[in-house]
């Protein structure tokens, strides 16, 4: 399955992810994969980074999630462009 074009998230939400990664606290994360399946995790965000013009977060488990797949993080609704 080809990945859809990356849509940047809002700058303020990106800043919040960076803050959560710095604080290393466990948060509730919900996202949709490319097949539109919803996933949930209680995890620590260990990094927010860019690769090939796309932005990702990395969880303490090592899992990477593209930022435009996020639906909620720590109770905040994600979506929208920077």
PDB file of N, CA and C in Angstrom:
ATOM      1  N   UNK A   1       0.846  -1.186   0.000  1.00  0.00           N
ATOM      2  CA  UNK A   1       0.000   0.000   0.000  1.00  0.00           C
ATOM      3  C   UNK A   1       0.886   1.242   0.000  1.00  0.00           C
ATOM      4  N   UNK A   2       0.647   2.141  -0.928  1.00  0.00           N
ATOM      5  CA  UNK A   2       1.398   3.381  -1.007  1.00  0.00           C
ATOM      6  C   UNK A   2       0.935   4.327   0.094  1.00  0.00           C
ATOM      7  N   UNK A   3       1.901   4.960   0.741  1.00  0.00           N
ATOM      8  CA  UNK A   3       1.578   5.909   1.798  1.00  0.00           C
ATOM      9  C   UNK A   3       1.034   7.194   1.194  1.00  0.00           C
ATOM     10  N   UNK A   4       0.000   7.765   1.840  1.00  0.00           N
ATOM     11  CA  UNK A   4      -0.525   9.045   1.360  1.00  0.00           C
ATOM     12  C   UNK A   4       0.498  10.167   1.558  1.00  0.00           C
ATOM     13  N   UNK A   5       0.324  11.247   0.815  1.00  0.00           N
ATOM     14  CA  UNK A   5       1.176  12.417   0.943  1.00  0.00           C
ATOM     15  C   UNK A   5       1.141  12.928   2.379  1.00  0.00           C
ATOM     16  N   UNK A   6       2.291  13.321   2.896  1.00  0.00           N
ATOM     17  CA  UNK A   6       2.385  13.824   4.261  1.00  0.00           C
ATOM     18  C   UNK A   6       1.761  15.209   4.373  1.00  0.00           C
ATOM     19  N   UNK A   7       0.916  15.410   5.400  1.00  0.00           N
ATOM     20  CA  UNK A   7       0.319  16.711   5.715  1.00  0.00           C
ATOM     21  C   UNK A   7       0.863  17.169   7.060  1.00  0.00           C
ATOM     22  N   UNK A   8       1.661  18.236   7.099  1.00  0.00           N
ATOM     23  CA  UNK A   8       2.219  18.697   8.372  1.00  0.00           C
ATOM     24  C   UNK A   8       1.130  19.025   9.380  1.00  0.00           C
ATOM     25  N   UNK A   9       1.423  18.764  10.662  1.00  0.00           N
ATOM     26  CA  UNK A   9       0.483  19.129  11.721  1.00  0.00           C
ATOM     27  C   UNK A   9       0.723  20.589  12.090  1.00  0.00           C
ATOM     28  N   UNK A  10      -0.155  21.142  12.901  1.00  0.00           N
ATOM     29  CA  UNK A  10      -0.005  22.549  13.284  1.00  0.00           C
ATOM     30  C   UNK A  10       1.270  22.749  14.097  1.00  0.00           C
ATOM     31  N   UNK A  11       1.828  23.931  14.004  1.00  0.00           N
ATOM     32  CA  UNK A  11       3.060  24.252  14.727  1.00  0.00           C
ATOM     33  C   UNK A  11       2.868  24.136  16.235  1.00  0.00           C
ATOM     34  N   UNK A  12       1.730  24.569  16.735  1.00  0.00           N
ATOM     35  CA  UNK A  12       1.500  24.505  18.180  1.00  0.00           C
ATOM     36  C   UNK A  12       1.421  23.059  18.667  1.00  0.00           C
ATOM     37  N   UNK A  13       0.810  22.168  17.895  1.00  0.00           N
ATOM     38  CA  UNK A  13       0.754  20.762  18.279  1.00  0.00           C
ATOM     39  C   UNK A  13       2.136  20.121  18.188  1.00  0.00           C
ATOM     40  N   UNK A  14       2.906  20.510  17.195  1.00  0.00           N
ATOM     41  CA  UNK A  14       4.277  20.015  17.076  1.00  0.00           C
ATOM     42  C   UNK A  14       5.080  20.426  18.317  1.00  0.00           C
ATOM     43  N   UNK A  15       4.920  21.671  18.737  1.00  0.00           N
ATOM     44  CA  UNK A  15       5.611  22.158  19.935  1.00  0.00           C
ATOM     45  C   UNK A  15       5.194  21.367  21.174  1.00  0.00           C
ATOM     46  N   UNK A  16       3.914  21.021  21.269  1.00  0.00           N
ATOM     47  CA  UNK A  16       3.441  20.230  22.407  1.00  0.00           C
ATOM     48  C   UNK A  16       4.078  18.845  22.420  1.00  0.00           C
ATOM     49  N   UNK A  17       4.246  18.236  21.241  1.00  0.00           N
ATOM     50  CA  UNK A  17       4.903  16.929  21.164  1.00  0.00           C
ATOM     51  C   UNK A  17       6.357  17.023  21.617  1.00  0.00           C
ATOM     52  N   UNK A  18       7.032  18.083  21.216  1.00  0.00           N
ATOM     53  CA  UNK A  18       8.414  18.289  21.656  1.00  0.00           C
ATOM     54  C   UNK A  18       8.482  18.430  23.175  1.00  0.00           C
ATOM     55  N   UNK A  19       7.529  19.150  23.745  1.00  0.00           N
ATOM     56  CA  UNK A  19       7.475  19.319  25.197  1.00  0.00           C
ATOM     57  C   UNK A  19       7.248  17.974  25.894  1.00  0.00           C
ATOM     58  N   UNK A  20       6.313  17.187  25.386  1.00  0.00           N
ATOM     59  CA  UNK A  20       6.054  15.867  25.974  1.00  0.00           C
ATOM     60  C   UNK A  20       7.276  14.957  25.872  1.00  0.00           C
ATOM     61  N   UNK A  21       7.998  15.033  24.766  1.00  0.00           N
ATOM     62  CA  UNK A  21       9.205  14.225  24.604  1.00  0.00           C
ATOM     63  C   UNK A  21      10.274  14.651  25.607  1.00  0.00           C
ATOM     64  N   UNK A  22      10.358  15.936  25.869  1.00  0.00           N
ATOM     65  CA  UNK A  22      11.332  16.445  26.837  1.00  0.00           C
ATOM     66  C   UNK A  22      10.994  16.000  28.251  1.00  0.00           C
ATOM     67  N   UNK A  23       9.700  16.015  28.587  1.00  0.00           N
ATOM     68  CA  UNK A  23       9.271  15.647  29.941  1.00  0.00           C
ATOM     69  C   UNK A  23       9.266  14.144  30.186  1.00  0.00           C
ATOM     70  N   UNK A  24       9.282  13.345  29.115  1.00  0.00           N
ATOM     71  CA  UNK A  24       9.332  11.880  29.227  1.00  0.00           C
ATOM     72  C   UNK A  24       8.240  11.307  30.128  1.00  0.00           C
ATOM     73  N   UNK A  25       7.050  11.871  30.025  1.00  0.00           N
ATOM     74  CA  UNK A  25       5.939  11.330  30.799  1.00  0.00           C
ATOM     75  C   UNK A  25       5.089  10.419  29.927  1.00  0.00           C
ATOM     76  N   UNK A  26       4.430   9.454  30.548  1.00  0.00           N
ATOM     77  CA  UNK A  26       3.559   8.539  29.819  1.00  0.00           C
ATOM     78  C   UNK A  26       2.270   9.267  29.447  1.00  0.00           C
ATOM     79  N   UNK A  27       1.870   9.139  28.188  1.00  0.00           N
ATOM     80  CA  UNK A  27       0.652   9.777  27.688  1.00  0.00           C
ATOM     81  C   UNK A  27      -0.171   8.763  26.899  1.00  0.00           C
ATOM     82  N   UNK A  28      -1.463   9.044  26.768  1.00  0.00           N
ATOM     83  CA  UNK A  28      -2.359   8.248  25.929  1.00  0.00           C
ATOM     84  C   UNK A  28      -2.261   8.780  24.505  1.00  0.00           C
ATOM     85  N   UNK A  29      -1.986   7.895  23.551  1.00  0.00           N
ATOM     86  CA  UNK A  29      -1.829   8.272  22.145  1.00  0.00           C
ATOM     87  C   UNK A  29      -2.791   7.440  21.309  1.00  0.00           C
ATOM     88  N   UNK A  30      -3.512   8.106  20.406  1.00  0.00           N
ATOM     89  CA  UNK A  30      -4.401   7.427  19.470  1.00  0.00           C
ATOM     90  C   UNK A  30      -4.027   7.879  18.063  1.00  0.00           C
ATOM     91  N   UNK A  31      -3.949   6.919  17.136  1.00  0.00           N
ATOM     92  CA  UNK A  31      -3.628   7.239  15.756  1.00  0.00           C
ATOM     93  C   UNK A  31      -4.320   6.258  14.820  1.00  0.00           C
ATOM     94  N   UNK A  32      -4.368   6.642  13.540  1.00  0.00           N
ATOM     95  CA  UNK A  32      -4.931   5.783  12.502  1.00  0.00           C
ATOM     96  C   UNK A  32      -3.814   5.396  11.538  1.00  0.00           C
ATOM     97  N   UNK A  33      -3.751   4.110  11.215  1.00  0.00           N
ATOM     98  CA  UNK A  33      -2.754   3.677  10.240  1.00  0.00           C
ATOM     99  C   UNK A  33      -3.266   3.996   8.833  1.00  0.00           C
ATOM    100  N   UNK A  34      -2.488   3.637   7.822  1.00  0.00           N
ATOM    101  CA  UNK A  34      -2.855   4.000   6.444  1.00  0.00           C
ATOM    102  C   UNK A  34      -4.078   3.241   5.943  1.00  0.00           C
ATOM    103  N   UNK A  35      -4.456   2.164   6.628  1.00  0.00           N
ATOM    104  CA  UNK A  35      -5.679   1.427   6.283  1.00  0.00           C
ATOM    105  C   UNK A  35      -6.870   1.928   7.112  1.00  0.00           C
ATOM    106  N   UNK A  36      -6.676   3.037   7.848  1.00  0.00           N
ATOM    107  CA  UNK A  36      -7.713   3.673   8.680  1.00  0.00           C
ATOM    108  C   UNK A  36      -8.083   2.872   9.920  1.00  0.00           C
ATOM    109  N   UNK A  37      -7.227   1.946  10.352  1.00  0.00           N
ATOM    110  CA  UNK A  37      -7.443   1.226  11.612  1.00  0.00           C
ATOM    111  C   UNK A  37      -6.959   2.097  12.761  1.00  0.00           C
ATOM    112  N   UNK A  38      -7.758   2.180  13.825  1.00  0.00           N
ATOM    113  CA  UNK A  38      -7.389   2.995  14.975  1.00  0.00           C
ATOM    114  C   UNK A  38      -6.547   2.178  15.952  1.00  0.00           C
ATOM    115  N   UNK A  39      -5.524   2.833  16.506  1.00  0.00           N
ATOM    116  CA  UNK A  39      -4.631   2.207  17.482  1.00  0.00           C
ATOM    117  C   UNK A  39      -4.509   3.116  18.692  1.00  0.00           C
ATOM    118  N   UNK A  40      -4.290   2.514  19.862  1.00  0.00           N
ATOM    119  CA  UNK A  40      -4.114   3.260  21.108  1.00  0.00           C
ATOM    120  C   UNK A  40      -2.893   2.738  21.827  1.00  0.00           C
ATOM    121  N   UNK A  41      -2.236   3.629  22.554  1.00  0.00           N
ATOM    122  CA  UNK A  41      -1.095   3.216  23.371  1.00  0.00           C
ATOM    123  C   UNK A  41      -0.944   4.178  24.537  1.00  0.00           C
ATOM    124  N   UNK A  42      -0.543   3.658  25.667  1.00  0.00           N
ATOM    125  CA  UNK A  42      -0.047   4.469  26.774  1.00  0.00           C
ATOM    126  C   UNK A  42       1.460   4.342  26.675  1.00  0.00           C
ATOM    127  N   UNK A  43       2.139   5.435  26.345  1.00  0.00           N
ATOM    128  CA  UNK A  43       3.568   5.342  26.070  1.00  0.00           C
ATOM    129  C   UNK A  43       4.263   6.660  26.349  1.00  0.00           C
ATOM    130  N   UNK A  44       5.576   6.585  26.375  1.00  0.00           N
ATOM    131  CA  UNK A  44       6.424   7.762  26.505  1.00  0.00           C
ATOM    132  C   UNK A  44       6.947   8.129  25.124  1.00  0.00           C
ATOM    133  N   UNK A  45       6.834   9.395  24.762  1.00  0.00           N
ATOM    134  CA  UNK A  45       7.404   9.889  23.511  1.00  0.00           C
ATOM    135  C   UNK A  45       8.881  10.155  23.780  1.00  0.00           C
ATOM    136  N   UNK A  46       9.745   9.470  23.044  1.00  0.00           N
ATOM    137  CA  UNK A  46      11.179   9.629  23.269  1.00  0.00           C
ATOM    138  C   UNK A  46      11.849  10.553  22.255  1.00  0.00           C
ATOM    139  N   UNK A  47      11.195  10.781  21.113  1.00  0.00           N
ATOM    140  CA  UNK A  47      11.805  11.634  20.099  1.00  0.00           C
ATOM    141  C   UNK A  47      10.746  12.121  19.119  1.00  0.00           C
ATOM    142  N   UNK A  48      10.971  13.302  18.575  1.00  0.00           N
ATOM    143  CA  UNK A  48      10.181  13.853  17.466  1.00  0.00           C
ATOM    144  C   UNK A  48      11.220  14.228  16.417  1.00  0.00           C
ATOM    145  N   UNK A  49      11.080  13.689  15.200  1.00  0.00           N
ATOM    146  CA  UNK A  49      12.132  13.867  14.209  1.00  0.00           C
ATOM    147  C   UNK A  49      11.559  13.884  12.795  1.00  0.00           C
ATOM    148  N   UNK A  50      12.405  14.308  11.852  1.00  0.00           N
ATOM    149  CA  UNK A  50      12.049  14.343  10.428  1.00  0.00           C
ATOM    150  C   UNK A  50      12.882  13.325   9.672  1.00  0.00           C
ATOM    151  N   UNK A  51      12.250  12.741   8.656  1.00  0.00           N
ATOM    152  CA  UNK A  51      12.939  11.820   7.753  1.00  0.00           C
ATOM    153  C   UNK A  51      12.233  11.897   6.403  1.00  0.00           C
ATOM    154  N   UNK A  52      12.999  12.170   5.357  1.00  0.00           N
ATOM    155  CA  UNK A  52      12.467  12.222   3.996  1.00  0.00           C
ATOM    156  C   UNK A  52      11.252  13.139   3.885  1.00  0.00           C
ATOM    157  N   UNK A  53      11.377  14.342   4.437  1.00  0.00           N
ATOM    158  CA  UNK A  53      10.343  15.386   4.382  1.00  0.00           C
ATOM    159  C   UNK A  53       9.047  15.000   5.099  1.00  0.00           C
ATOM    160  N   UNK A  54       9.138  14.078   6.053  1.00  0.00           N
ATOM    161  CA  UNK A  54       7.999  13.687   6.872  1.00  0.00           C
ATOM    162  C   UNK A  54       8.429  13.756   8.338  1.00  0.00           C
ATOM    163  N   UNK A  55       7.469  14.011   9.224  1.00  0.00           N
ATOM    164  CA  UNK A  55       7.781  14.105  10.646  1.00  0.00           C
ATOM    165  C   UNK A  55       7.167  12.921  11.391  1.00  0.00           C
ATOM    166  N   UNK A  56       7.893  12.435  12.380  1.00  0.00           N
ATOM    167  CA  UNK A  56       7.507  11.260  13.146  1.00  0.00           C
ATOM    168  C   UNK A  56       7.728  11.503  14.628  1.00  0.00           C
ATOM    169  N   UNK A  57       7.054  10.694  15.434  1.00  0.00           N
ATOM    170  CA  UNK A  57       7.439  10.586  16.831  1.00  0.00           C
ATOM    171  C   UNK A  57       7.833   9.148  17.076  1.00  0.00           C
ATOM    172  N   UNK A  58       8.709   8.973  18.047  1.00  0.00           N
ATOM    173  CA  UNK A  58       9.133   7.632  18.419  1.00  0.00           C
ATOM    174  C   UNK A  58       8.706   7.388  19.853  1.00  0.00           C
ATOM    175  N   UNK A  59       8.134   6.215  20.086  1.00  0.00           N
ATOM    176  CA  UNK A  59       7.695   5.816  21.414  1.00  0.00           C
ATOM    177  C   UNK A  59       8.801   5.042  22.114  1.00  0.00           C
ATOM    178  N   UNK A  60       8.672   4.917  23.420  1.00  0.00           N
ATOM    179  CA  UNK A  60       9.660   4.180  24.207  1.00  0.00           C
ATOM    180  C   UNK A  60       9.790   2.730  23.745  1.00  0.00           C
ATOM    181  N   UNK A  61       8.768   2.203  23.089  1.00  0.00           N
ATOM    182  CA  UNK A  61       8.814   0.835  22.549  1.00  0.00           C
ATOM    183  C   UNK A  61       9.651   0.751  21.274  1.00  0.00           C
ATOM    184  N   UNK A  62      10.027   1.906  20.704  1.00  0.00           N
ATOM    185  CA  UNK A  62      10.747   1.949  19.435  1.00  0.00           C
ATOM    186  C   UNK A  62       9.837   2.188  18.248  1.00  0.00           C
ATOM    187  N   UNK A  63       8.530   2.088  18.464  1.00  0.00           N
ATOM    188  CA  UNK A  63       7.571   2.302  17.378  1.00  0.00           C
ATOM    189  C   UNK A  63       7.621   3.748  16.907  1.00  0.00           C
ATOM    190  N   UNK A  64       7.514   3.934  15.594  1.00  0.00           N
ATOM    191  CA  UNK A  64       7.470   5.261  14.993  1.00  0.00           C
ATOM    192  C   UNK A  64       6.088   5.499  14.406  1.00  0.00           C
ATOM    193  N   UNK A  65       5.560   6.706  14.628  1.00  0.00           N
ATOM    194  CA  UNK A  65       4.242   7.091  14.118  1.00  0.00           C
ATOM    195  C   UNK A  65       4.402   8.410  13.375  1.00  0.00           C
ATOM    196  N   UNK A  66       3.914   8.429  12.139  1.00  0.00           N
ATOM    197  CA  UNK A  66       3.950   9.672  11.370  1.00  0.00           C
ATOM    198  C   UNK A  66       2.989  10.662  12.014  1.00  0.00           C
ATOM    199  N   UNK A  67       3.410  11.920  12.171  1.00  0.00           N
ATOM    200  CA  UNK A  67       2.624  12.884  12.931  1.00  0.00           C
ATOM    201  C   UNK A  67       1.240  13.148  12.357  1.00  0.00           C
ATOM    202  N   UNK A  68       1.067  13.056  11.056  1.00  0.00           N
ATOM    203  CA  UNK A  68      -0.257  13.315  10.487  1.00  0.00           C
ATOM    204  C   UNK A  68      -1.215  12.138  10.660  1.00  0.00           C
ATOM    205  N   UNK A  69      -0.752  11.055  11.286  1.00  0.00           N
ATOM    206  CA  UNK A  69      -1.626   9.927  11.607  1.00  0.00           C
ATOM    207  C   UNK A  69      -2.220  10.057  13.013  1.00  0.00           C
ATOM    208  N   UNK A  70      -1.680  10.965  13.817  1.00  0.00           N
ATOM    209  CA  UNK A  70      -2.158  11.135  15.190  1.00  0.00           C
ATOM    210  C   UNK A  70      -3.576  11.682  15.204  1.00  0.00           C
ATOM    211  N   UNK A  71      -4.397  11.153  16.099  1.00  0.00           N
ATOM    212  CA  UNK A  71      -5.739  11.712  16.287  1.00  0.00           C
ATOM    213  C   UNK A  71      -5.862  12.392  17.640  1.00  0.00           C
ATOM    214  N   UNK A  72      -5.299  11.799  18.696  1.00  0.00           N
ATOM    215  CA  UNK A  72      -5.244  12.460  20.003  1.00  0.00           C
ATOM    216  C   UNK A  72      -3.932  12.090  20.711  1.00  0.00           C
ATOM    217  N   UNK A  73      -3.418  13.030  21.457  1.00  0.00           N
ATOM    218  CA  UNK A  73      -2.245  12.810  22.301  1.00  0.00           C
ATOM    219  C   UNK A  73      -2.486  13.555  23.604  1.00  0.00           C
ATOM    220  N   UNK A  74      -2.430  12.835  24.702  1.00  0.00           N
ATOM    221  CA  UNK A  74      -2.597  13.427  26.024  1.00  0.00           C
ATOM    222  C   UNK A  74      -3.912  14.212  26.116  1.00  0.00           C
ATOM    223  N   UNK A  75      -4.968  13.703  25.460  1.00  0.00           N
ATOM    224  CA  UNK A  75      -6.280  14.327  25.509  1.00  0.00           C
ATOM    225  C   UNK A  75      -6.494  15.455  24.514  1.00  0.00           C
ATOM    226  N   UNK A  76      -5.483  15.824  23.746  1.00  0.00           N
ATOM    227  CA  UNK A  76      -5.612  16.902  22.754  1.00  0.00           C
ATOM    228  C   UNK A  76      -5.866  16.294  21.378  1.00  0.00           C
ATOM    229  N   UNK A  77      -6.769  16.931  20.648  1.00  0.00           N
ATOM    230  CA  UNK A  77      -7.099  16.476  19.297  1.00  0.00           C
ATOM    231  C   UNK A  77      -6.075  17.035  18.329  1.00  0.00           C
ATOM    232  N   UNK A  78      -5.566  16.155  17.473  1.00  0.00           N
ATOM    233  CA  UNK A  78      -4.556  16.550  16.494  1.00  0.00           C
ATOM    234  C   UNK A  78      -5.162  16.655  15.107  1.00  0.00           C
ATOM    235  N   UNK A  79      -4.485  17.385  14.243  1.00  0.00           N
ATOM    236  CA  UNK A  79      -4.919  17.582  12.860  1.00  0.00           C
ATOM    237  C   UNK A  79      -4.729  19.031  12.484  1.00  0.00           C
ATOM    238  N   UNK A  80      -4.716  19.298  11.203  1.00  0.00           N
ATOM    239  CA  UNK A  80      -4.549  20.659  10.723  1.00  0.00           C
ATOM    240  C   UNK A  80      -3.104  20.942  10.369  1.00  0.00           C
ATOM    241  N   UNK A  81      -2.900  21.902   9.509  1.00  0.00           N
ATOM    242  CA  UNK A  81      -1.570  22.212   8.988  1.00  0.00           C
ATOM    243  C   UNK A  81      -0.936  23.366   9.726  1.00  0.00           C
ATOM    244  N   UNK A  82       0.396  23.392   9.616  1.00  0.00           N
ATOM    245  CA  UNK A  82       1.206  24.445  10.207  1.00  0.00           C
ATOM    246  C   UNK A  82       1.127  25.700   9.336  1.00  0.00           C
TER     247      UNK A  82
END
